[in-house]
C-alpha atoms as a PDB file:
ATOM      1  CA  MET A   1      -0.176   0.392  -0.629  1.00  0.00           C
ATOM      2  CA  THR A   2       1.253   3.509  -0.849  1.00  0.00           C
ATOM      3  CA  SER A   3       0.772   6.474   1.088  1.00  0.00           C
ATOM      4  CA  GLN A   4       0.666   9.509  -0.768  1.00  0.00           C
ATOM      5  CA  SER A   5       1.836  12.935   1.072  1.00  0.00           C
ATOM      6  CA  TYR A   6      -0.077  16.286  -0.022  1.00  0.00           C
ATOM      7  CA  ILE A   7       1.374  19.573   0.946  1.00  0.00           C
ATOM      8  CA  ILE A   8      -0.876  21.911   1.761  1.00  0.00           C
ATOM      9  CA  SER A   9      -0.292  25.178   2.546  1.00  0.00           C
ATOM     10  CA  GLN A  10       0.115  27.275   6.272  1.00  0.00           C
ATOM     11  CA  ASP A  11      -2.627  29.745   6.049  1.00  0.00           C
ATOM     12  CA  LEU A  12      -4.864  26.940   5.519  1.00  0.00           C
ATOM     13  CA  LEU A  13      -3.574  24.219   7.910  1.00  0.00           C
ATOM     14  CA  GLU A  14      -3.721  27.398  10.516  1.00  0.00           C
ATOM     15  CA  ARG A  15      -7.376  27.616   9.640  1.00  0.00           C
ATOM     16  CA  THR A  16      -8.378  23.663   9.545  1.00  0.00           C
ATOM     17  CA  VAL A  17      -6.598  23.198  12.803  1.00  0.00           C
ATOM     18  CA  GLN A  18      -9.351  26.110  14.351  1.00  0.00           C
ATOM     19  CA  GLU A  19     -12.096  24.822  12.183  1.00  0.00           C
ATOM     20  CA  ILE A  20     -11.936  21.255  13.819  1.00  0.00           C
ATOM     21  CA  GLY A  21     -11.492  23.650  17.449  1.00  0.00           C
ATOM     22  CA  SER A  22     -13.924  25.189  17.053  1.00  0.00           C
ATOM     23  CA  THR A  23     -16.083  22.117  16.110  1.00  0.00           C
ATOM     24  CA  LYS A  24     -14.710  19.814  19.158  1.00  0.00           C
ATOM     25  CA  GLN A  25     -15.827  23.072  21.311  1.00  0.00           C
ATOM     26  CA  GLN A  26     -19.977  23.509  19.513  1.00  0.00           C
ATOM     27  CA  GLN A  27     -19.981  19.346  20.006  1.00  0.00           C
ATOM     28  CA  VAL A  28     -19.207  19.474  23.613  1.00  0.00           C
ATOM     29  CA  ALA A  29     -21.145  22.364  24.109  1.00  0.00           C
ATOM     30  CA  LEU A  30     -24.418  20.393  22.312  1.00  0.00           C
ATOM     31  CA  GLU A  31     -23.601  17.145  24.547  1.00  0.00           C
ATOM     32  CA  GLN A  32     -24.243  19.461  27.662  1.00  0.00           C
ATOM     33  CA  LEU A  33     -27.237  21.161  26.273  1.00  0.00           C
ATOM     34  CA  LEU A  34     -28.220  17.713  25.599  1.00  0.00           C
ATOM     35  CA  ARG A  35     -27.496  16.100  28.846  1.00  0.00           C
ATOM     36  CA  GLU A  36     -29.411  19.117  30.297  1.00  0.00           C
ATOM     37  CA  GLN A  37     -32.273  18.508  28.465  1.00  0.00           C
ATOM     38  CA  HIS A  38     -32.414  14.770  28.804  1.00  0.00           C
ATOM     39  CA  THR A  39     -32.486  15.718  32.822  1.00  0.00           C
ATOM     40  CA  LEU A  40     -35.210  18.130  32.735  1.00  0.00           C
ATOM     41  CA  ALA A  41     -37.943  15.493  30.359  1.00  0.00           C
ATOM     42  CA  THR A  42     -36.840  12.886  32.914  1.00  0.00           C
ATOM     43  CA  ALA A  43     -38.159  15.021  35.751  1.00  0.00           C
ATOM     44  CA  ALA A  44     -41.336  16.134  33.966  1.00  0.00           C
ATOM     45  CA  ASN A  45     -42.146  12.430  33.478  1.00  0.00           C
ATOM     46  CA  GLU A  46     -41.451  12.049  36.678  1.00  0.00           C
ATOM     47  CA  GLU A  47     -43.985  14.856  38.306  1.00  0.00           C
ATOM     48  CA  PHE A  48     -46.336  13.497  35.498  1.00  0.00           C
ATOM     49  CA  LEU A  49     -46.053   9.767  36.710  1.00  0.00           C
ATOM     50  CA  GLU A  50     -47.296  10.977  40.339  1.00  0.00           C
ATOM     51  CA  LEU A  51     -49.712  13.405  39.391  1.00  0.00           C
ATOM     52  CA  LEU A  52     -51.366  10.534  37.351  1.00  0.00           C
ATOM     53  CA  GLU A  53     -50.681   8.120  40.783  1.00  0.00           C
ATOM     54  CA  GLY A  54     -51.972  10.083  42.023  1.00  0.00           C
ATOM     55  CA  SER A  55     -54.861  10.852  40.655  1.00  0.00           C
ATOM     56  CA  VAL A  56     -56.052   6.759  40.286  1.00  0.00           C
ATOM     57  CA  THR A  57     -55.507   6.696  43.894  1.00  0.00           C
END
């Protein structure tokens, strides 16, 4: 298997690295938001189920 080498400009390399870093930061922020939303949804579901249980008995 032959590997190929590519030459890119320093500017393009720096912009690419910066974009990857920005994307990783966005991913971390979105994962945190998703965890928070999941926590809120779980709490709301538990509260709803408790209300249902109270109205049934």
